[in-house]
Amino acid sequence: MTARLHWTWHTHRVRHSDFATLVREEFGDGHAATLLRSHVLNALGGRTAEAALADGIQPRVVWSAICDDFDVPVERRFGRDRPRRR
């Protein structure tokens, strides 16, 4: 019998600029803007992402709700891998 790992995504902090980058990279420039304005996130009290951020909800919480709604795989919730600087 093998142990099954359960991954939980969380981070201590996501800046607004990082949040914008994550949304654009995952959904594309055009769709990201529409998603932020119009998709209602039930996990955030029926707010859009734009409204939630304006109400002071932390970007990491909003990003997590978006990821859950759109079934973003765990491995993409931190954004694209980038080569390390030397």
Protein backbone atom coordinates (compact mmCIF):
# COMPACT_ATOMS: atom_id res chain seq x y z
CA MET A 1 0.00 0.00 0.00
CA THR A 2 1.41 3.40 -0.93
CA ALA A 3 0.74 6.61 0.89
CA ARG A 4 -1.23 9.17 -1.05
CA LEU A 5 -0.06 12.75 -0.83
CA HIS A 6 -2.57 15.54 -0.58
CA TRP A 7 -1.28 18.88 -1.86
CA THR A 8 -2.67 22.07 -0.43
CA TRP A 9 -1.73 25.28 -2.17
CA HIS A 10 -1.03 28.25 0.00
CA THR A 11 1.42 31.04 0.27
CA HIS A 12 1.98 33.71 2.82
CA ARG A 13 1.80 36.58 0.41
CA VAL A 14 0.94 37.48 -3.18
CA ARG A 15 1.48 41.07 -4.28
CA HIS A 16 -1.05 42.80 -6.52
CA SER A 17 1.51 42.86 -9.36
CA ASP A 18 2.19 39.14 -8.90
CA PHE A 19 -1.55 38.48 -8.85
CA ALA A 20 -1.99 40.31 -12.17
CA THR A 21 0.87 38.31 -13.70
CA LEU A 22 -0.56 35.00 -12.47
CA VAL A 23 -3.99 35.76 -13.93
CA ARG A 24 -2.55 36.91 -17.29
CA GLU A 25 -0.25 33.89 -17.58
CA GLU A 26 -2.99 31.41 -16.76
CA PHE A 27 -5.87 32.91 -18.77
CA GLY A 28 -4.27 35.19 -21.38
CA ASP A 29 -4.38 38.98 -21.58
CA GLY A 30 -7.87 39.38 -23.06
CA HIS A 31 -9.64 36.75 -21.01
CA ALA A 32 -7.93 37.78 -17.76
CA ALA A 33 -9.41 41.29 -17.87
CA THR A 34 -12.90 39.94 -18.54
CA LEU A 35 -12.58 37.28 -15.85
CA LEU A 36 -11.57 39.82 -13.19
CA ARG A 37 -14.50 42.09 -14.04
CA SER A 38 -17.28 39.60 -14.60
CA HIS A 39 -16.72 36.17 -13.03
CA VAL A 40 -18.55 35.91 -9.71
CA LEU A 41 -16.62 34.06 -7.01
CA ASN A 42 -19.06 32.42 -4.61
CA ALA A 43 -16.23 31.67 -2.20
CA LEU A 44 -15.78 35.44 -1.81
CA GLY A 45 -19.38 36.26 -1.06
CA GLY A 46 -20.58 36.59 -4.64
CA ARG A 47 -18.02 39.25 -5.56
CA THR A 48 -15.98 39.53 -8.71
CA ALA A 49 -12.21 39.40 -8.29
CA GLU A 50 -12.06 43.13 -9.01
CA ALA A 51 -14.64 43.88 -6.30
CA ALA A 52 -12.97 41.54 -3.81
CA LEU A 53 -9.61 43.29 -4.25
CA ALA A 54 -11.29 46.69 -3.96
CA ASP A 55 -12.91 45.51 -0.71
CA GLY A 56 -9.47 44.69 0.70
CA ILE A 57 -9.44 40.93 0.30
CA GLN A 58 -5.84 39.77 -0.06
CA PRO A 59 -4.73 38.92 -3.60
CA ARG A 60 -3.65 35.41 -2.52
CA VAL A 61 -7.19 34.68 -1.31
CA VAL A 62 -8.70 35.97 -4.55
CA TRP A 63 -6.20 33.97 -6.64
CA SER A 64 -6.96 30.83 -4.66
CA ALA A 65 -10.71 31.29 -5.27
CA ILE A 66 -10.11 31.78 -9.01
CA CYS A 67 -7.92 28.68 -9.14
CA ASP A 68 -10.59 26.63 -7.38
CA ASP A 69 -13.38 27.87 -9.68
CA PHE A 70 -11.41 27.15 -12.84
CA ASP A 71 -9.71 23.94 -11.64
CA VAL A 72 -6.22 25.34 -12.14
CA PRO A 73 -3.84 22.45 -11.44
CA VAL A 74 -1.71 22.75 -8.32
CA GLU A 75 1.49 22.81 -10.33
CA ARG A 76 0.37 26.01 -12.12
CA ARG A 77 -0.93 27.93 -9.12
CA PHE A 78 2.46 29.53 -8.50
CA GLY A 79 2.83 30.62 -12.12
CA ARG A 80 5.19 29.55 -14.84
CA ASP A 81 8.60 28.17 -14.06
CA ARG A 82 11.31 30.57 -15.00
CA PRO A 83 14.99 29.81 -15.44
CA ARG A 84 17.13 30.89 -12.51
CA ARG A 85 19.33 33.90 -12.90
CA ARG A 86 23.05 33.23 -12.72
